[in-house]
Structures are given as C-alpha cells and as structure tokens.
Amino acid sequence: MASSTGAQKPKDFLKQILGRPVLVKLNSGSDYRGVLSCLDGHMNIALEQTEEYCEGQLKNKYGDCFLRGNNVLYISTQKTQRRAQ
C-alpha cells in the first residue's frame, strides 16, 4: 500500500533539481554550493558556479567542479538566491 505523505524517490528528486542551485555536503564536513549540471548512477556530481565552504566560511570559488559520489553525504536544494557576481 502506497503512503500518501508526499514522499518521493531519490531518483525523482535528483531529476527535479538538475539545473538548480544545490548544497552538497561531503563526508569530510565541507560544503559545495553551486548549480547541479549533471550526475550519474554512482552519484558523481558536476556543479557549475561552485563555491567551497569549510566550517561555514567561503574557502574557494570554482567555475566547474566534479565531486566523486563516494564522498557525498547528502544533496539538498538551496533555499536562498545567491548574489549575482
């Protein structure tokens, strides 16, 4: 029996957020924030307009970034708009 809680499958969620700003938290504790450009079945992630944060502090800015899936703790959408550069 299916639940009516509105929960969705992770694969469906990931399809919905392609091209949108996301936050990717790594097992190391670092955050990467950028636009999700693609991902694969191993959860390898490609981001555009990427910013790296450590302990909440901006450390680096990258154009494009590739993150190996085995390092990813979670992915979430960003609620706030980033400032234009």
Foldseek 3Di string as FASTA:
>chain_A
DDDPPPDDDPVVVVVVQQQAWKWWAWPVGKIKIAHFPDADPQRWTKGAQIFIDHPRHTDDTDGMDIDGSVGTPDMDGDPDDDDDD
